[in-house]
N, C-alpha and C. Protein backbone atom coordinates (compact mmCIF):
# COMPACT_ATOMS: atom_id res chain seq x y z
N MET A 1 27.35 -41.11 -65.59
CA MET A 1 26.84 -40.74 -64.63
C MET A 1 26.26 -39.66 -64.44
N ARG A 2 24.42 -39.82 -63.99
CA ARG A 2 23.83 -39.10 -63.94
C ARG A 2 23.75 -38.21 -62.51
N VAL A 3 23.68 -36.65 -62.41
CA VAL A 3 23.91 -35.86 -61.05
C VAL A 3 22.99 -37.11 -60.03
N GLU A 4 21.38 -37.19 -60.55
CA GLU A 4 20.99 -38.35 -58.96
C GLU A 4 21.96 -39.56 -58.45
N ASP A 5 22.43 -40.09 -59.72
CA ASP A 5 23.24 -41.38 -59.28
C ASP A 5 25.00 -41.11 -58.35
N ALA A 6 25.34 -39.67 -58.66
CA ALA A 6 25.91 -39.20 -58.47
C ALA A 6 26.09 -39.03 -56.61
N LEU A 7 24.26 -38.24 -56.55
CA LEU A 7 24.27 -37.95 -55.10
C LEU A 7 24.11 -38.78 -54.23
N ARG A 8 22.94 -40.27 -54.89
CA ARG A 8 22.82 -41.47 -54.34
C ARG A 8 24.31 -41.95 -53.73
N LYS A 9 25.31 -41.96 -54.92
CA LYS A 9 26.52 -42.37 -54.17
C LYS A 9 27.25 -41.98 -53.18
N ILE A 10 26.96 -40.72 -53.32
CA ILE A 10 27.75 -39.80 -51.80
C ILE A 10 27.37 -39.79 -50.49
N ARG A 11 25.38 -39.79 -51.00
CA ARG A 11 25.09 -40.24 -49.57
C ARG A 11 25.55 -41.23 -49.04
N LEU A 12 25.65 -42.69 -50.00
CA LEU A 12 26.48 -44.17 -49.17
C LEU A 12 27.72 -44.12 -48.56
N LEU A 13 28.72 -42.82 -49.66
CA LEU A 13 29.68 -42.96 -48.92
C LEU A 13 30.13 -42.65 -48.21
N ARG A 14 29.17 -41.48 -47.43
CA ARG A 14 28.70 -40.63 -45.94
C ARG A 14 28.94 -41.37 -44.93
N LYS A 15 28.02 -42.04 -45.28
CA LYS A 15 27.29 -43.39 -44.40
C LYS A 15 28.99 -43.98 -43.82
N LEU A 16 29.95 -44.35 -44.52
CA LEU A 16 30.78 -45.09 -44.16
C LEU A 16 32.33 -44.31 -43.23
N VAL A 17 31.79 -44.81 -42.35
CA VAL A 17 32.56 -44.12 -40.66
C VAL A 17 32.88 -45.14 -39.59
N PRO A 18 33.67 -44.80 -38.94
CA PRO A 18 34.49 -45.60 -38.15
C PRO A 18 33.06 -46.10 -37.19
N GLU A 19 32.20 -45.32 -36.64
CA GLU A 19 30.83 -45.35 -36.00
C GLU A 19 30.11 -46.28 -36.76
N ASN A 20 30.24 -46.82 -37.60
CA ASN A 20 29.48 -47.59 -38.01
C ASN A 20 30.42 -48.90 -38.38
N GLY A 21 31.26 -48.74 -38.22
CA GLY A 21 32.01 -50.24 -38.26
C GLY A 21 33.15 -49.74 -39.09
N ALA A 22 33.36 -49.11 -40.01
CA ALA A 22 34.39 -48.67 -40.83
C ALA A 22 35.69 -48.55 -40.41
N PHE A 23 37.01 -49.59 -40.69
CA PHE A 23 38.24 -48.65 -40.39
C PHE A 23 38.86 -47.48 -40.76
N GLU A 24 39.78 -46.67 -40.19
CA GLU A 24 39.89 -45.18 -40.40
C GLU A 24 40.18 -45.38 -42.14
N ALA A 25 41.20 -45.95 -42.54
CA ALA A 25 41.30 -46.02 -44.10
C ALA A 25 40.63 -46.14 -44.87
N GLU A 26 38.90 -46.63 -44.69
CA GLU A 26 38.26 -47.23 -45.38
C GLU A 26 36.87 -45.64 -45.33
N ALA A 27 37.15 -45.76 -44.44
CA ALA A 27 36.46 -44.07 -44.14
C ALA A 27 36.98 -42.92 -44.77
N GLU A 28 38.53 -42.86 -44.72
CA GLU A 28 39.25 -41.49 -45.55
C GLU A 28 38.92 -41.70 -46.86
N THR A 29 39.37 -43.14 -47.57
CA THR A 29 38.76 -43.35 -48.83
C THR A 29 37.48 -42.96 -49.36
N ALA A 30 36.33 -43.24 -48.37
CA ALA A 30 34.87 -42.65 -49.04
C ALA A 30 34.87 -41.34 -48.56
N ALA A 31 35.75 -40.77 -47.77
CA ALA A 31 35.04 -38.98 -48.32
C ALA A 31 35.90 -38.52 -48.90
N ARG A 32 36.83 -39.29 -49.57
CA ARG A 32 37.68 -38.77 -50.79
C ARG A 32 36.91 -38.75 -52.20
N LEU A 33 36.06 -39.79 -52.27
CA LEU A 33 35.65 -40.48 -52.88
C LEU A 33 34.75 -39.84 -53.52
N ALA A 34 34.15 -39.27 -52.21
CA ALA A 34 32.66 -38.63 -52.07
C ALA A 34 33.10 -37.07 -52.75
N GLN A 35 34.16 -36.56 -51.98
CA GLN A 35 34.36 -35.20 -52.84
C GLN A 35 34.82 -34.86 -53.77
N THR A 36 35.35 -36.06 -54.51
CA THR A 36 35.26 -36.13 -55.96
C THR A 36 34.15 -36.11 -56.73
N LEU A 37 33.22 -36.77 -56.36
CA LEU A 37 32.33 -36.37 -56.88
C LEU A 37 31.29 -35.35 -57.01
N LEU A 38 31.46 -34.50 -55.71
CA LEU A 38 31.16 -33.51 -56.01
C LEU A 38 31.77 -32.35 -56.29
N GLU A 39 32.88 -32.59 -56.67
CA GLU A 39 34.12 -31.86 -57.43
C GLU A 39 33.33 -31.83 -58.72
N LYS A 40 33.24 -33.42 -59.29
CA LYS A 40 33.25 -33.36 -60.75
C LYS A 40 31.79 -33.65 -61.14
N HIS A 41 30.95 -33.17 -60.71
CA HIS A 41 29.53 -32.87 -61.03
C HIS A 41 28.70 -32.01 -60.26
N CYS A 42 29.73 -30.92 -59.66
CA CYS A 42 29.42 -29.51 -59.15
C CYS A 42 28.35 -29.37 -58.03
N ILE A 43 28.50 -30.32 -57.48
CA ILE A 43 27.22 -29.98 -56.35
C ILE A 43 28.30 -29.81 -55.08
N ARG A 44 27.25 -28.92 -54.57
CA ARG A 44 27.29 -28.21 -53.47
C ARG A 44 27.12 -29.57 -52.33
N SER A 45 28.10 -29.12 -51.11
CA SER A 45 27.98 -30.24 -50.24
C SER A 45 26.67 -30.06 -49.76
N GLU A 46 26.30 -28.65 -49.62
CA GLU A 46 24.68 -28.44 -48.85
C GLU A 46 23.27 -29.17 -49.68
N ASP A 47 23.83 -29.42 -51.00
CA ASP A 47 22.71 -30.05 -51.66
C ASP A 47 22.42 -31.67 -51.68
N VAL A 48 23.55 -32.05 -50.93
CA VAL A 48 23.37 -33.47 -50.40
C VAL A 48 22.70 -33.64 -48.88
N ARG A 49 21.62 -34.20 -49.07
CA ARG A 49 20.65 -34.45 -47.61
C ARG A 49 20.37 -35.53 -47.68
N PRO A 50 20.36 -36.24 -46.74
CA PRO A 50 20.21 -37.76 -46.22
C PRO A 50 18.74 -38.04 -46.86
N VAL A 51 18.27 -39.17 -47.47
CA VAL A 51 17.09 -39.62 -47.36
C VAL A 51 16.62 -40.50 -46.42
N ALA A 52 15.39 -40.56 -46.56
CA ALA A 52 14.63 -41.06 -45.19
C ALA A 52 14.55 -42.59 -45.61
N THR A 53 15.94 -43.21 -45.46
CA THR A 53 15.52 -44.65 -45.22
C THR A 53 15.68 -45.64 -44.34
N PRO A 54 15.36 -46.72 -43.88
CA PRO A 54 15.85 -47.56 -43.30
C PRO A 54 16.90 -47.17 -42.94
N SER A 55 17.87 -47.46 -41.74
CA SER A 55 19.21 -47.70 -41.80
C SER A 55 19.80 -49.04 -42.07
N PRO A 56 20.74 -49.47 -42.72
CA PRO A 56 20.97 -50.37 -43.28
C PRO A 56 21.35 -51.60 -42.72
N GLN A 57 21.34 -52.60 -42.86
CA GLN A 57 21.45 -54.14 -42.43
C GLN A 57 22.66 -54.45 -41.70
N MET A 58 23.63 -53.95 -40.80
CA MET A 58 24.46 -54.29 -40.44
C MET A 58 24.89 -56.14 -40.58
N THR A 59 26.43 -55.95 -40.61
CA THR A 59 26.66 -57.24 -40.85
C THR A 59 27.61 -57.79 -39.56
N TRP A 60 28.61 -59.15 -39.67
CA TRP A 60 29.24 -59.45 -38.63
C TRP A 60 30.42 -59.54 -38.93
N VAL A 61 30.97 -59.52 -40.39
CA VAL A 61 31.99 -59.21 -40.90
C VAL A 61 32.98 -58.33 -40.11
N TYR A 62 33.17 -57.00 -39.41
CA TYR A 62 34.08 -56.42 -38.70
C TYR A 62 34.40 -56.60 -37.74
N TRP A 63 33.21 -57.18 -36.59
CA TRP A 63 33.71 -57.59 -35.34
C TRP A 63 34.10 -59.43 -35.47
N ASP A 64 33.66 -59.91 -36.48
CA ASP A 64 34.08 -61.44 -36.55
C ASP A 64 35.91 -60.81 -36.86
N GLN A 65 35.94 -60.49 -38.01
CA GLN A 65 37.77 -60.14 -38.38
C GLN A 65 38.41 -59.26 -37.36
N LEU A 66 37.68 -58.44 -36.21
CA LEU A 66 38.72 -57.96 -34.91
C LEU A 66 38.91 -58.51 -34.07
N LEU A 67 37.37 -60.14 -34.20
CA LEU A 67 37.98 -60.79 -32.95
C LEU A 67 39.20 -62.17 -33.17
N SER A 68 39.02 -62.67 -34.80
CA SER A 68 39.63 -63.22 -35.44
C SER A 68 41.64 -62.80 -35.00
N GLU A 69 41.01 -61.56 -35.06
CA GLU A 69 43.21 -60.95 -34.76
C GLU A 69 43.51 -61.48 -33.70
N TYR A 70 42.56 -61.76 -32.27
CA TYR A 70 42.96 -61.92 -30.80
C TYR A 70 42.13 -63.34 -31.49
N GLY A 71 42.45 -64.62 -32.05
CA GLY A 71 42.56 -65.56 -32.31
C GLY A 71 40.77 -66.24 -31.14
N MET A 72 40.06 -65.29 -31.56
CA MET A 72 38.45 -65.01 -30.79
C MET A 72 37.51 -65.95 -32.26
N SER A 73 37.00 -66.70 -31.48
CA SER A 73 35.27 -66.39 -32.97
C SER A 73 34.15 -66.13 -32.42
N LEU A 74 33.55 -65.30 -32.75
CA LEU A 74 31.89 -65.33 -32.40
C LEU A 74 31.49 -66.15 -32.85
N ASP A 75 30.45 -66.42 -31.53
CA ASP A 75 29.38 -67.24 -31.52
C ASP A 75 28.18 -66.53 -31.64
N ASN A 76 27.41 -66.22 -32.58
CA ASN A 76 26.36 -65.80 -33.11
C ASN A 76 24.79 -66.17 -33.62
N PHE A 77 24.06 -65.32 -32.78
CA PHE A 77 22.49 -66.03 -32.85
C PHE A 77 21.54 -64.84 -33.11
N GLY A 78 21.20 -64.86 -34.59
CA GLY A 78 20.29 -64.14 -34.90
C GLY A 78 21.13 -62.42 -34.92
N ARG A 79 20.50 -61.42 -34.02
CA ARG A 79 21.27 -60.39 -33.94
C ARG A 79 21.93 -60.04 -32.91
N ARG A 80 22.58 -60.89 -32.18
CA ARG A 80 23.41 -61.13 -31.00
C ARG A 80 24.29 -61.76 -30.62
N ALA A 81 25.82 -61.47 -30.34
CA ALA A 81 26.15 -62.61 -30.60
C ALA A 81 27.31 -62.60 -28.73
N SER A 82 28.40 -63.56 -28.96
CA SER A 82 29.32 -63.63 -27.95
C SER A 82 30.39 -64.02 -28.20
N VAL A 83 31.07 -63.80 -26.70
CA VAL A 83 32.49 -64.63 -27.30
C VAL A 83 33.00 -64.42 -25.65
N ARG A 84 33.47 -65.68 -25.01
CA ARG A 84 33.97 -66.02 -24.33
C ARG A 84 35.71 -65.67 -23.59
N LEU A 85 36.15 -64.93 -22.90
CA LEU A 85 37.44 -64.22 -22.87
C LEU A 85 38.14 -65.64 -21.75
N ALA A 86 39.25 -66.05 -21.41
CA ALA A 86 39.93 -66.69 -20.85
C ALA A 86 39.90 -66.73 -18.93
N ASN A 87 39.36 -65.58 -18.33
CA ASN A 87 39.20 -65.05 -17.60
C ASN A 87 38.03 -65.45 -17.04
N GLY A 88 36.87 -65.79 -17.62
CA GLY A 88 35.66 -66.72 -17.84
C GLY A 88 34.83 -65.12 -18.17
N ALA A 89 35.45 -63.95 -18.13
CA ALA A 89 34.25 -63.09 -18.60
C ALA A 89 33.66 -63.29 -19.98
N LEU A 90 32.39 -62.65 -20.52
CA LEU A 90 31.59 -62.87 -21.72
C LEU A 90 31.70 -61.69 -22.31
N ILE A 91 32.35 -61.24 -23.54
CA ILE A 91 31.90 -60.16 -24.38
C ILE A 91 30.23 -60.49 -25.00
N VAL A 92 29.49 -59.60 -25.12
CA VAL A 92 27.93 -59.75 -25.91
C VAL A 92 27.85 -58.51 -26.39
N ILE A 93 27.75 -59.36 -28.06
CA ILE A 93 27.46 -57.90 -28.88
C ILE A 93 25.80 -57.88 -29.49
N ARG A 94 25.50 -56.56 -29.42
CA ARG A 94 24.21 -56.49 -30.00
C ARG A 94 24.61 -55.73 -31.60
N LEU A 95 24.50 -56.72 -32.54
CA LEU A 95 24.38 -55.95 -34.13
C LEU A 95 23.59 -55.04 -33.84
N ALA A 96 22.08 -54.82 -34.09
CA ALA A 96 21.50 -53.53 -34.39
C ALA A 96 21.78 -52.69 -33.50
N ALA A 97 22.03 -52.45 -32.56
CA ALA A 97 22.42 -51.55 -32.14
C ALA A 97 23.75 -51.04 -31.87
N ASN A 98 24.81 -52.06 -32.73
CA ASN A 98 26.02 -51.77 -32.35
C ASN A 98 26.85 -50.98 -31.34
N GLN A 99 26.22 -52.36 -30.53
CA GLN A 99 26.85 -52.38 -29.04
C GLN A 99 27.34 -53.35 -28.48
N TRP A 100 28.21 -52.98 -27.50
CA TRP A 100 29.01 -54.14 -26.86
C TRP A 100 29.04 -54.17 -25.66
N HIS A 101 29.02 -55.51 -24.68
CA HIS A 101 29.82 -54.70 -23.51
C HIS A 101 29.96 -56.46 -22.64
N VAL A 102 30.99 -56.19 -21.82
CA VAL A 102 31.75 -57.30 -21.02
C VAL A 102 31.14 -57.69 -19.65
N GLN A 103 31.00 -58.66 -19.33
CA GLN A 103 29.97 -59.02 -18.19
C GLN A 103 30.64 -59.57 -17.39
N HIS A 104 30.95 -60.28 -16.22
CA HIS A 104 31.89 -61.26 -15.64
C HIS A 104 30.81 -62.27 -14.79
N PRO A 105 31.17 -63.23 -14.39
CA PRO A 105 30.12 -63.89 -13.51
C PRO A 105 30.51 -63.58 -11.85
N SER A 106 29.37 -63.50 -11.05
CA SER A 106 29.16 -63.07 -9.70
C SER A 106 28.71 -63.50 -9.24
N SER A 107 28.27 -63.72 -7.69
CA SER A 107 27.87 -64.59 -6.81
C SER A 107 26.22 -64.71 -7.63
N GLU A 108 25.59 -63.42 -8.07
CA GLU A 108 24.22 -63.05 -8.05
C GLU A 108 23.85 -63.27 -8.99
N GLY A 109 24.88 -63.51 -10.18
CA GLY A 109 24.62 -63.84 -11.46
C GLY A 109 25.54 -63.37 -12.62
N TRP A 110 25.20 -62.44 -13.46
CA TRP A 110 26.33 -62.09 -14.26
C TRP A 110 26.22 -60.11 -13.46
N LYS A 111 27.81 -59.57 -13.81
CA LYS A 111 27.71 -58.42 -13.24
C LYS A 111 28.60 -57.66 -14.88
N ILE A 112 27.83 -57.03 -15.38
CA ILE A 112 28.20 -56.09 -16.57
C ILE A 112 29.36 -54.76 -15.89
N MET A 113 30.69 -54.83 -16.69
CA MET A 113 31.59 -54.47 -15.97
C MET A 113 32.16 -52.94 -16.97
N THR A 114 31.62 -53.27 -18.35
CA THR A 114 32.25 -52.41 -19.65
C THR A 114 31.27 -52.26 -20.33
N ARG A 115 30.95 -51.29 -20.85
CA ARG A 115 29.89 -51.17 -22.03
C ARG A 115 30.02 -50.14 -23.10
N ASP A 116 30.19 -50.04 -24.38
CA ASP A 116 30.35 -49.03 -25.27
C ASP A 116 29.49 -49.31 -26.66
N PHE A 117 29.70 -48.62 -27.50
CA PHE A 117 29.47 -48.78 -28.71
C PHE A 117 30.59 -48.64 -29.95
N GLY A 118 30.31 -49.66 -30.66
CA GLY A 118 31.66 -49.75 -32.38
C GLY A 118 32.39 -50.43 -32.21
N VAL A 119 32.90 -51.08 -33.25
CA VAL A 119 34.34 -51.90 -33.16
C VAL A 119 35.30 -51.23 -32.40
N GLU A 120 35.58 -49.90 -33.03
CA GLU A 120 36.90 -49.23 -32.87
C GLU A 120 36.77 -49.29 -31.31
N SER A 121 35.72 -49.08 -30.68
CA SER A 121 36.13 -48.89 -28.92
C SER A 121 36.08 -50.37 -28.55
N LEU A 122 35.51 -51.36 -28.95
CA LEU A 122 36.38 -53.07 -28.36
C LEU A 122 37.51 -53.17 -29.31
N ARG A 123 38.10 -52.68 -30.20
CA ARG A 123 39.33 -53.12 -30.27
C ARG A 123 40.19 -52.30 -29.67
N ALA A 124 39.97 -51.29 -28.79
CA ALA A 124 40.87 -50.77 -27.93
C ALA A 124 40.97 -51.16 -26.27
N TYR A 125 39.14 -52.08 -25.80
CA TYR A 125 39.74 -52.68 -24.99
C TYR A 125 40.32 -53.52 -25.14
N LEU A 126 40.03 -54.74 -26.01
CA LEU A 126 40.80 -55.71 -26.42
C LEU A 126 42.08 -55.51 -26.28
N ALA A 127 42.89 -54.53 -26.89
CA ALA A 127 44.19 -54.27 -26.84
C ALA A 127 44.49 -54.12 -25.45
N GLN A 128 43.76 -53.69 -24.57
CA GLN A 128 43.99 -53.23 -23.09
C GLN A 128 43.85 -54.78 -22.23
N TYR A 129 42.40 -55.14 -22.70
CA TYR A 129 42.34 -56.23 -21.71
C TYR A 129 42.40 -57.51 -22.28
N GLY A 130 42.65 -57.70 -23.59
CA GLY A 130 42.05 -58.82 -24.12
C GLY A 130 43.00 -60.12 -24.36
N PRO A 131 43.25 -61.46 -24.91
CA PRO A 131 44.46 -62.01 -24.99
C PRO A 131 45.39 -61.82 -25.27
N ARG A 132 46.37 -62.23 -25.04
CA ARG A 132 48.25 -61.69 -25.65
C ARG A 132 48.21 -62.97 -26.46
N SER A 133 48.67 -62.88 -27.49
CA SER A 133 49.30 -63.44 -28.44
C SER A 133 51.19 -63.86 -28.66
N TYR A 134 51.43 -64.92 -28.10
CA TYR A 134 53.41 -64.62 -27.86
C TYR A 134 53.90 -65.33 -28.85
N SER A 135 54.95 -65.09 -29.12
CA SER A 135 55.60 -66.14 -30.56
C SER A 135 56.83 -66.47 -29.98
N LEU A 136 57.22 -67.65 -29.94
CA LEU A 136 58.58 -68.18 -29.45
C LEU A 136 59.59 -68.06 -30.49
N ALA A 137 58.92 -67.59 -31.78
CA ALA A 137 60.50 -67.65 -32.58
C ALA A 137 60.93 -66.32 -32.99
N GLY A 138 61.79 -66.06 -32.95
CA GLY A 138 62.70 -64.17 -32.96
C GLY A 138 63.83 -64.94 -32.62
């Protein structure tokens, strides 16, 4: 592997962070791999500068997997998606912005109750307010 290849891979690995939708374990593994490449090719951390490129296209995979953990499925159209909660609320996700919000029906239309960014913040919201799965086995 050439140094240029190692630099490219390190830049890509550094983009794998929870804010971009990666799980903590994935981000930790990516950081370790990047550090290994730095040491193997004697590259200083300061030498790895991000290249000015357009941001990579995000996908629905992480959002879909999160919602499937709660027995919900994502209805997506283009770069937006939604899922309805049992209480009538609607979770709307904007993929390009990595943003989601929860809106409740009101007499004046829809009222946004919660708004945040990233898969992990939605995971925390669903852990607190999402549907509960009960098991009769035990």
